[in-house]
Amino acid sequence: VSALSTWSWIVLARRWRVQDEPGRRRLHEE
């Protein structure tokens, strides 16, 4: 259930743009 719901949330978060954008003070690049 955790794996399936995590995968589903990631798909929805990308679609709804609920994400941290890369920036000067961020560690991620995408």
PDB file of all heavy atoms in Angstrom:
ATOM      1  N   VAL A   1       0.839  -1.201   0.000  1.00  0.00           N
ATOM      2  CA  VAL A   1       0.000   0.000   0.000  1.00  0.00           C
ATOM      3  C   VAL A   1       0.872   1.247   0.000  1.00  0.00           C
ATOM      4  O   VAL A   1       0.611   2.203  -0.736  1.00  0.00           O
ATOM      5  CB  VAL A   1      -0.967  -0.010   1.213  1.00  0.00           C
ATOM      6  CG1 VAL A   1      -1.603   1.346   1.421  1.00  0.00           C
ATOM      7  CG2 VAL A   1      -2.019  -1.072   1.023  1.00  0.00           C
ATOM      8  N   SER A   2       1.930   1.255   0.804  1.00  0.00           N
ATOM      9  CA  SER A   2       2.838   2.406   0.840  1.00  0.00           C
ATOM     10  C   SER A   2       3.490   2.640  -0.513  1.00  0.00           C
ATOM     11  O   SER A   2       3.561   3.777  -0.989  1.00  0.00           O
ATOM     12  CB  SER A   2       3.924   2.194   1.895  1.00  0.00           C
ATOM     13  OG  SER A   2       3.387   2.259   3.177  1.00  0.00           O
ATOM     14  N   ALA A   3       3.966   1.579  -1.140  1.00  0.00           N
ATOM     15  CA  ALA A   3       4.636   1.719  -2.432  1.00  0.00           C
ATOM     16  C   ALA A   3       3.674   2.212  -3.508  1.00  0.00           C
ATOM     17  O   ALA A   3       4.000   3.134  -4.269  1.00  0.00           O
ATOM     18  CB  ALA A   3       5.256   0.381  -2.849  1.00  0.00           C
ATOM     19  N   LEU A   4       2.489   1.637  -3.554  1.00  0.00           N
ATOM     20  CA  LEU A   4       1.514   2.030  -4.563  1.00  0.00           C
ATOM     21  C   LEU A   4       1.031   3.464  -4.349  1.00  0.00           C
ATOM     22  O   LEU A   4       0.941   4.247  -5.300  1.00  0.00           O
ATOM     23  CB  LEU A   4       0.326   1.066  -4.559  1.00  0.00           C
ATOM     24  CG  LEU A   4      -0.744   1.338  -5.616  1.00  0.00           C
ATOM     25  CD1 LEU A   4      -0.152   1.206  -7.009  1.00  0.00           C
ATOM     26  CD2 LEU A   4      -1.898   0.384  -5.440  1.00  0.00           C
ATOM     27  N   SER A   5       0.743   3.816  -3.113  1.00  0.00           N
ATOM     28  CA  SER A   5       0.253   5.170  -2.865  1.00  0.00           C
ATOM     29  C   SER A   5       1.360   6.209  -3.036  1.00  0.00           C
ATOM     30  O   SER A   5       1.092   7.327  -3.488  1.00  0.00           O
ATOM     31  CB  SER A   5      -0.402   5.271  -1.486  1.00  0.00           C
ATOM     32  OG  SER A   5       0.468   4.866  -0.478  1.00  0.00           O
ATOM     33  N   THR A   6       2.612   5.873  -2.729  1.00  0.00           N
ATOM     34  CA  THR A   6       3.716   6.803  -2.969  1.00  0.00           C
ATOM     35  C   THR A   6       3.886   7.036  -4.460  1.00  0.00           C
ATOM     36  O   THR A   6       4.026   8.182  -4.913  1.00  0.00           O
ATOM     37  CB  THR A   6       5.026   6.266  -2.366  1.00  0.00           C
ATOM     38  OG1 THR A   6       4.860   6.118  -0.962  1.00  0.00           O
ATOM     39  CG2 THR A   6       6.191   7.202  -2.638  1.00  0.00           C
ATOM     40  N   TRP A   7       3.869   5.980  -5.240  1.00  0.00           N
ATOM     41  CA  TRP A   7       3.984   6.115  -6.687  1.00  0.00           C
ATOM     42  C   TRP A   7       2.838   6.958  -7.245  1.00  0.00           C
ATOM     43  O   TRP A   7       3.051   7.849  -8.075  1.00  0.00           O
ATOM     44  CB  TRP A   7       4.014   4.739  -7.349  1.00  0.00           C
ATOM     45  CG  TRP A   7       4.028   4.810  -8.836  1.00  0.00           C
ATOM     46  CD1 TRP A   7       5.105   5.060  -9.635  1.00  0.00           C
ATOM     47  CD2 TRP A   7       2.907   4.668  -9.699  1.00  0.00           C
ATOM     48  NE1 TRP A   7       4.713   5.065 -10.939  1.00  0.00           N
ATOM     49  CE2 TRP A   7       3.360   4.830 -11.015  1.00  0.00           C
ATOM     50  CE3 TRP A   7       1.554   4.405  -9.491  1.00  0.00           C
ATOM     51  CZ2 TRP A   7       2.518   4.746 -12.108  1.00  0.00           C
ATOM     52  CZ3 TRP A   7       0.729   4.321 -10.583  1.00  0.00           C
ATOM     53  CH2 TRP A   7       1.207   4.498 -11.876  1.00  0.00           C
ATOM     54  N   SER A   8       1.617   6.690  -6.778  1.00  0.00           N
ATOM     55  CA  SER A   8       0.452   7.452  -7.245  1.00  0.00           C
ATOM     56  C   SER A   8       0.584   8.926  -6.894  1.00  0.00           C
ATOM     57  O   SER A   8       0.276   9.803  -7.700  1.00  0.00           O
ATOM     58  CB  SER A   8      -0.834   6.913  -6.624  1.00  0.00           C
ATOM     59  OG  SER A   8      -1.030   5.584  -6.980  1.00  0.00           O
ATOM     60  N   TRP A   9       1.037   9.226  -5.668  1.00  0.00           N
ATOM     61  CA  TRP A   9       1.192  10.616  -5.262  1.00  0.00           C
ATOM     62  C   TRP A   9       2.245  11.326  -6.112  1.00  0.00           C
ATOM     63  O   TRP A   9       2.068  12.482  -6.494  1.00  0.00           O
ATOM     64  CB  TRP A   9       1.552  10.735  -3.785  1.00  0.00           C
ATOM     65  CG  TRP A   9       1.854  12.158  -3.460  1.00  0.00           C
ATOM     66  CD1 TRP A   9       3.071  12.691  -3.197  1.00  0.00           C
ATOM     67  CD2 TRP A   9       0.930  13.245  -3.451  1.00  0.00           C
ATOM     68  NE1 TRP A   9       2.957  14.039  -3.005  1.00  0.00           N
ATOM     69  CE2 TRP A   9       1.648  14.414  -3.160  1.00  0.00           C
ATOM     70  CE3 TRP A   9      -0.435  13.344  -3.666  1.00  0.00           C
ATOM     71  CZ2 TRP A   9       1.051  15.653  -3.063  1.00  0.00           C
ATOM     72  CZ3 TRP A   9      -1.034  14.593  -3.578  1.00  0.00           C
ATOM     73  CH2 TRP A   9      -0.293  15.718  -3.279  1.00  0.00           C
ATOM     74  N   ILE A  10       3.348  10.659  -6.423  1.00  0.00           N
ATOM     75  CA  ILE A  10       4.387  11.285  -7.239  1.00  0.00           C
ATOM     76  C   ILE A  10       3.837  11.639  -8.614  1.00  0.00           C
ATOM     77  O   ILE A  10       4.089  12.727  -9.141  1.00  0.00           O
ATOM     78  CB  ILE A  10       5.633  10.381  -7.328  1.00  0.00           C
ATOM     79  CG1 ILE A  10       6.334  10.358  -5.967  1.00  0.00           C
ATOM     80  CG2 ILE A  10       6.582  10.850  -8.414  1.00  0.00           C
ATOM     81  CD1 ILE A  10       7.456   9.361  -5.864  1.00  0.00           C
ATOM     82  N   VAL A  11       3.055  10.749  -9.203  1.00  0.00           N
ATOM     83  CA  VAL A  11       2.439  11.026 -10.505  1.00  0.00           C
ATOM     84  C   VAL A  11       1.502  12.231 -10.408  1.00  0.00           C
ATOM     85  O   VAL A  11       1.566  13.155 -11.230  1.00  0.00           O
ATOM     86  CB  VAL A  11       1.682   9.781 -11.034  1.00  0.00           C
ATOM     87  CG1 VAL A  11       0.841  10.122 -12.240  1.00  0.00           C
ATOM     88  CG2 VAL A  11       2.666   8.671 -11.365  1.00  0.00           C
ATOM     89  N   LEU A  12       0.650  12.248  -9.386  1.00  0.00           N
ATOM     90  CA  LEU A  12      -0.277  13.370  -9.216  1.00  0.00           C
ATOM     91  C   LEU A  12       0.453  14.663  -8.889  1.00  0.00           C
ATOM     92  O   LEU A  12       0.084  15.729  -9.378  1.00  0.00           O
ATOM     93  CB  LEU A  12      -1.294  13.057  -8.123  1.00  0.00           C
ATOM     94  CG  LEU A  12      -2.348  12.031  -8.479  1.00  0.00           C
ATOM     95  CD1 LEU A  12      -3.192  11.696  -7.258  1.00  0.00           C
ATOM     96  CD2 LEU A  12      -3.221  12.523  -9.614  1.00  0.00           C
ATOM     97  N   ALA A  13       1.481  14.609  -8.053  1.00  0.00           N
ATOM     98  CA  ALA A  13       2.227  15.811  -7.684  1.00  0.00           C
ATOM     99  C   ALA A  13       2.899  16.435  -8.902  1.00  0.00           C
ATOM    100  O   ALA A  13       2.946  17.658  -9.028  1.00  0.00           O
ATOM    101  CB  ALA A  13       3.270  15.479  -6.614  1.00  0.00           C
ATOM    102  N   ARG A  14       3.406  15.609  -9.790  1.00  0.00           N
ATOM    103  CA  ARG A  14       4.005  16.160 -11.015  1.00  0.00           C
ATOM    104  C   ARG A  14       2.941  16.780 -11.908  1.00  0.00           C
ATOM    105  O   ARG A  14       3.162  17.834 -12.496  1.00  0.00           O
ATOM    106  CB  ARG A  14       4.765  15.073 -11.759  1.00  0.00           C
ATOM    107  CG  ARG A  14       6.053  14.731 -11.077  1.00  0.00           C
ATOM    108  CD  ARG A  14       6.898  13.795 -11.889  1.00  0.00           C
ATOM    109  NE  ARG A  14       8.163  13.580 -11.196  1.00  0.00           N
ATOM    110  CZ  ARG A  14       8.831  12.467 -11.228  1.00  0.00           C
ATOM    111  NH1 ARG A  14       8.378  11.438 -11.926  1.00  0.00           N
ATOM    112  NH2 ARG A  14       9.956  12.347 -10.581  1.00  0.00           N
ATOM    113  N   ARG A  15       1.773  16.145 -11.995  1.00  0.00           N
ATOM    114  CA  ARG A  15       0.692  16.681 -12.817  1.00  0.00           C
ATOM    115  C   ARG A  15       0.172  17.998 -12.246  1.00  0.00           C
ATOM    116  O   ARG A  15      -0.106  18.939 -12.985  1.00  0.00           O
ATOM    117  CB  ARG A  15      -0.442  15.666 -12.911  1.00  0.00           C
ATOM    118  CG  ARG A  15      -1.567  16.135 -13.821  1.00  0.00           C
ATOM    119  CD  ARG A  15      -2.643  15.096 -13.983  1.00  0.00           C
ATOM    120  NE  ARG A  15      -2.069  13.872 -14.516  1.00  0.00           N
ATOM    121  CZ  ARG A  15      -2.583  12.660 -14.334  1.00  0.00           C
ATOM    122  NH1 ARG A  15      -3.677  12.501 -13.628  1.00  0.00           N
ATOM    123  NH2 ARG A  15      -2.008  11.591 -14.847  1.00  0.00           N
ATOM    124  N   TRP A  16       0.033  18.067 -10.914  1.00  0.00           N
ATOM    125  CA  TRP A  16      -0.505  19.260 -10.257  1.00  0.00           C
ATOM    126  C   TRP A  16       0.584  20.276  -9.915  1.00  0.00           C
ATOM    127  O   TRP A  16       0.301  21.307  -9.325  1.00  0.00           O
ATOM    128  CB  TRP A  16      -1.240  18.872  -8.987  1.00  0.00           C
ATOM    129  CG  TRP A  16      -2.466  18.046  -9.208  1.00  0.00           C
ATOM    130  CD1 TRP A  16      -3.198  17.937 -10.347  1.00  0.00           C
ATOM    131  CD2 TRP A  16      -3.093  17.197  -8.256  1.00  0.00           C
ATOM    132  NE1 TRP A  16      -4.240  17.079 -10.164  1.00  0.00           N
ATOM    133  CE2 TRP A  16      -4.212  16.607  -8.879  1.00  0.00           C
ATOM    134  CE3 TRP A  16      -2.828  16.875  -6.936  1.00  0.00           C
ATOM    135  CZ2 TRP A  16      -5.045  15.720  -8.233  1.00  0.00           C
ATOM    136  CZ3 TRP A  16      -3.662  15.991  -6.292  1.00  0.00           C
ATOM    137  CH2 TRP A  16      -4.759  15.422  -6.938  1.00  0.00           C
ATOM    138  N   ARG A  17       1.843  19.937 -10.238  1.00  0.00           N
ATOM    139  CA  ARG A  17       2.999  20.794  -9.992  1.00  0.00           C
ATOM    140  C   ARG A  17       3.178  21.122  -8.508  1.00  0.00           C
ATOM    141  O   ARG A  17       3.490  22.251  -8.140  1.00  0.00           O
ATOM    142  CB  ARG A  17       2.935  22.045 -10.844  1.00  0.00           C
ATOM    143  CG  ARG A  17       2.852  21.704 -12.342  1.00  0.00           C
ATOM    144  CD  ARG A  17       3.085  22.822 -13.291  1.00  0.00           C
ATOM    145  NE  ARG A  17       4.322  23.557 -13.175  1.00  0.00           N
ATOM    146  CZ  ARG A  17       5.521  23.150 -13.573  1.00  0.00           C
ATOM    147  NH1 ARG A  17       5.668  21.950 -14.084  1.00  0.00           N
ATOM    148  NH2 ARG A  17       6.570  23.917 -13.463  1.00  0.00           N
ATOM    149  N   VAL A  18       2.974  20.110  -7.657  1.00  0.00           N
ATOM    150  CA  VAL A  18       3.246  20.228  -6.230  1.00  0.00           C
ATOM    151  C   VAL A  18       4.672  19.736  -6.042  1.00  0.00           C
ATOM    152  O   VAL A  18       4.916  18.575  -5.728  1.00  0.00           O
ATOM    153  CB  VAL A  18       2.267  19.367  -5.388  1.00  0.00           C
ATOM    154  CG1 VAL A  18       2.571  19.497  -3.915  1.00  0.00           C
ATOM    155  CG2 VAL A  18       0.841  19.734  -5.697  1.00  0.00           C
ATOM    156  N   GLN A  19       5.608  20.644  -6.272  1.00  0.00           N
ATOM    157  CA  GLN A  19       6.998  20.231  -6.265  1.00  0.00           C
ATOM    158  C   GLN A  19       7.904  21.393  -5.901  1.00  0.00           C
ATOM    159  O   GLN A  19       7.518  22.544  -6.000  1.00  0.00           O
ATOM    160  CB  GLN A  19       7.389  19.681  -7.629  1.00  0.00           C
ATOM    161  CG  GLN A  19       7.138  20.635  -8.773  1.00  0.00           C
ATOM    162  CD  GLN A  19       7.192  19.942 -10.109  1.00  0.00           C
ATOM    163  OE1 GLN A  19       7.298  18.740 -10.188  1.00  0.00           O
ATOM    164  NE2 GLN A  19       7.136  20.705 -11.159  1.00  0.00           N
ATOM    165  N   ASP A  20       9.093  21.053  -5.457  1.00  0.00           N
ATOM    166  CA  ASP A  20      10.126  22.038  -5.197  1.00  0.00           C
ATOM    167  C   ASP A  20      10.911  22.237  -6.485  1.00  0.00           C
ATOM    168  O   ASP A  20      11.378  21.271  -7.090  1.00  0.00           O
ATOM    169  CB  ASP A  20      11.073  21.560  -4.098  1.00  0.00           C
ATOM    170  CG  ASP A  20      10.438  21.600  -2.726  1.00  0.00           C
ATOM    171  OD1 ASP A  20       9.552  22.450  -2.526  1.00  0.00           O
ATOM    172  OD2 ASP A  20      10.836  20.800  -1.874  1.00  0.00           O
ATOM    173  N   GLU A  21      11.046  23.477  -6.866  1.00  0.00           N
ATOM    174  CA  GLU A  21      11.805  23.797  -8.073  1.00  0.00           C
ATOM    175  C   GLU A  21      13.277  23.984  -7.711  1.00  0.00           C
ATOM    176  O   GLU A  21      13.591  24.478  -6.632  1.00  0.00           O
ATOM    177  CB  GLU A  21      11.258  25.070  -8.721  1.00  0.00           C
ATOM    178  CG  GLU A  21       9.823  24.967  -9.184  1.00  0.00           C
ATOM    179  CD  GLU A  21       9.619  23.994 -10.330  1.00  0.00           C
ATOM    180  OE1 GLU A  21      10.562  23.774 -11.118  1.00  0.00           O
ATOM    181  OE2 GLU A  21       8.523  23.436 -10.427  1.00  0.00           O
ATOM    182  N   PRO A  22      14.181  23.615  -8.606  1.00  0.00           N
ATOM    183  CA  PRO A  22      15.605  23.831  -8.335  1.00  0.00           C
ATOM    184  C   PRO A  22      15.898  25.327  -8.278  1.00  0.00           C
ATOM    185  O   PRO A  22      15.245  26.124  -8.931  1.00  0.00           O
ATOM    186  CB  PRO A  22      16.314  23.159  -9.511  1.00  0.00           C
ATOM    187  CG  PRO A  22      15.282  22.863 -10.511  1.00  0.00           C
ATOM    188  CD  PRO A  22      13.951  22.962  -9.873  1.00  0.00           C
ATOM    189  N   GLY A  23      16.857  25.682  -7.492  1.00  0.00           N
ATOM    190  CA  GLY A  23      17.231  27.081  -7.381  1.00  0.00           C
ATOM    191  C   GLY A  23      18.615  27.225  -6.782  1.00  0.00           C
ATOM    192  O   GLY A  23      19.318  26.236  -6.530  1.00  0.00           O
ATOM    193  N   ARG A  24      18.986  28.459  -6.526  1.00  0.00           N
ATOM    194  CA  ARG A  24      20.320  28.750  -6.028  1.00  0.00           C
ATOM    195  C   ARG A  24      20.554  28.133  -4.654  1.00  0.00           C
ATOM    196  O   ARG A  24      21.648  27.671  -4.366  1.00  0.00           O
ATOM    197  CB  ARG A  24      20.488  30.264  -5.968  1.00  0.00           C
ATOM    198  CG  ARG A  24      21.873  30.720  -5.743  1.00  0.00           C
ATOM    199  CD  ARG A  24      21.937  32.201  -5.793  1.00  0.00           C
ATOM    200  NE  ARG A  24      21.025  32.708  -4.762  1.00  0.00           N
ATOM    201  CZ  ARG A  24      21.031  33.930  -4.306  1.00  0.00           C
ATOM    202  NH1 ARG A  24      21.856  34.800  -4.810  1.00  0.00           N
ATOM    203  NH2 ARG A  24      20.186  34.301  -3.372  1.00  0.00           N
ATOM    204  N   ARG A  25      19.543  28.103  -3.800  1.00  0.00           N
ATOM    205  CA  ARG A  25      19.697  27.588  -2.440  1.00  0.00           C
ATOM    206  C   ARG A  25      19.154  26.168  -2.278  1.00  0.00           C
ATOM    207  O   ARG A  25      18.959  25.702  -1.159  1.00  0.00           O
ATOM    208  CB  ARG A  25      18.985  28.522  -1.471  1.00  0.00           C
ATOM    209  CG  ARG A  25      19.603  29.906  -1.490  1.00  0.00           C
ATOM    210  CD  ARG A  25      18.972  30.803  -0.494  1.00  0.00           C
ATOM    211  NE  ARG A  25      19.311  30.305   0.840  1.00  0.00           N
ATOM    212  CZ  ARG A  25      18.668  30.658   1.933  1.00  0.00           C
ATOM    213  NH1 ARG A  25      17.646  31.473   1.863  1.00  0.00           N
ATOM    214  NH2 ARG A  25      19.040  30.188   3.098  1.00  0.00           N
ATOM    215  N   ARG A  26      18.916  25.462  -3.350  1.00  0.00           N
ATOM    216  CA  ARG A  26      18.371  24.095  -3.303  1.00  0.00           C
ATOM    217  C   ARG A  26      19.466  23.091  -3.660  1.00  0.00           C
ATOM    218  O   ARG A  26      20.363  23.383  -4.439  1.00  0.00           O
ATOM    219  CB  ARG A  26      17.216  23.933  -4.290  1.00  0.00           C
ATOM    220  CG  ARG A  26      16.126  24.954  -4.160  1.00  0.00           C
ATOM    221  CD  ARG A  26      15.302  24.700  -2.908  1.00  0.00           C
ATOM    222  NE  ARG A  26      14.362  25.778  -2.688  1.00  0.00           N
ATOM    223  CZ  ARG A  26      13.060  25.635  -2.680  1.00  0.00           C
ATOM    224  NH1 ARG A  26      12.531  24.464  -2.870  1.00  0.00           N
ATOM    225  NH2 ARG A  26      12.294  26.673  -2.463  1.00  0.00           N
ATOM    226  N   LEU A  27      19.334  21.893  -3.119  1.00  0.00           N
ATOM    227  CA  LEU A  27      20.321  20.852  -3.398  1.00  0.00           C
ATOM    228  C   LEU A  27      19.995  20.042  -4.645  1.00  0.00           C
ATOM    229  O   LEU A  27      20.877  19.439  -5.241  1.00  0.00           O
ATOM    230  CB  LEU A  27      20.430  19.897  -2.203  1.00  0.00           C
ATOM    231  CG  LEU A  27      20.988  20.504  -0.923  1.00  0.00           C
ATOM    232  CD1 LEU A  27      20.931  19.489   0.204  1.00  0.00           C
ATOM    233  CD2 LEU A  27      22.403  20.978  -1.131  1.00  0.00           C
ATOM    234  N   HIS A  28      18.717  20.004  -5.048  1.00  0.00           N
ATOM    235  CA  HIS A  28      18.346  19.180  -6.198  1.00  0.00           C
ATOM    236  C   HIS A  28      18.482  19.979  -7.493  1.00  0.00           C
ATOM    237  O   HIS A  28      18.422  21.208  -7.495  1.00  0.00           O
ATOM    238  CB  HIS A  28      16.939  18.612  -6.038  1.00  0.00           C
ATOM    239  CG  HIS A  28      15.907  19.629  -5.696  1.00  0.00           C
ATOM    240  ND1 HIS A  28      15.641  20.001  -4.404  1.00  0.00           N
ATOM    241  CD2 HIS A  28      15.079  20.355  -6.474  1.00  0.00           C
ATOM    242  CE1 HIS A  28      14.695  20.914  -4.408  1.00  0.00           C
ATOM    243  NE2 HIS A  28      14.345  21.147  -5.651  1.00  0.00           N
ATOM    244  N   GLU A  29      18.664  19.258  -8.586  1.00  0.00           N
ATOM    245  CA  GLU A  29      18.883  19.890  -9.884  1.00  0.00           C
ATOM    246  C   GLU A  29      17.677  19.784 -10.807  1.00  0.00           C
ATOM    247  O   GLU A  29      17.689  20.356 -11.890  1.00  0.00           O
ATOM    248  CB  GLU A  29      20.109  19.278 -10.557  1.00  0.00           C
ATOM    249  CG  GLU A  29      21.390  19.548  -9.779  1.00  0.00           C
ATOM    250  CD  GLU A  29      22.599  18.946 -10.447  1.00  0.00           C
ATOM    251  OE1 GLU A  29      22.454  18.358 -11.545  1.00  0.00           O
ATOM    252  OE2 GLU A  29      23.688  19.051  -9.871  1.00  0.00           O
ATOM    253  N   GLU A  30      16.654  19.038 -10.408  1.00  0.00           N
ATOM    254  CA  GLU A  30      15.435  18.919 -11.206  1.00  0.00           C
ATOM    255  C   GLU A  30      14.230  19.024 -10.269  1.00  0.00           C
ATOM    256  O   GLU A  30      14.370  18.827  -9.061  1.00  0.00           O
ATOM    257  CB  GLU A  30      15.408  17.613 -11.988  1.00  0.00           C
ATOM    258  CG  GLU A  30      15.518  16.382 -11.156  1.00  0.00           C
ATOM    259  CD  GLU A  30      15.632  15.142 -12.005  1.00  0.00           C
ATOM    260  OE1 GLU A  30      16.518  15.073 -12.855  1.00  0.00           O
ATOM    261  OE2 GLU A  30      14.801  14.240 -11.799  1.00  0.00           O
TER     262      GLU A  30
END
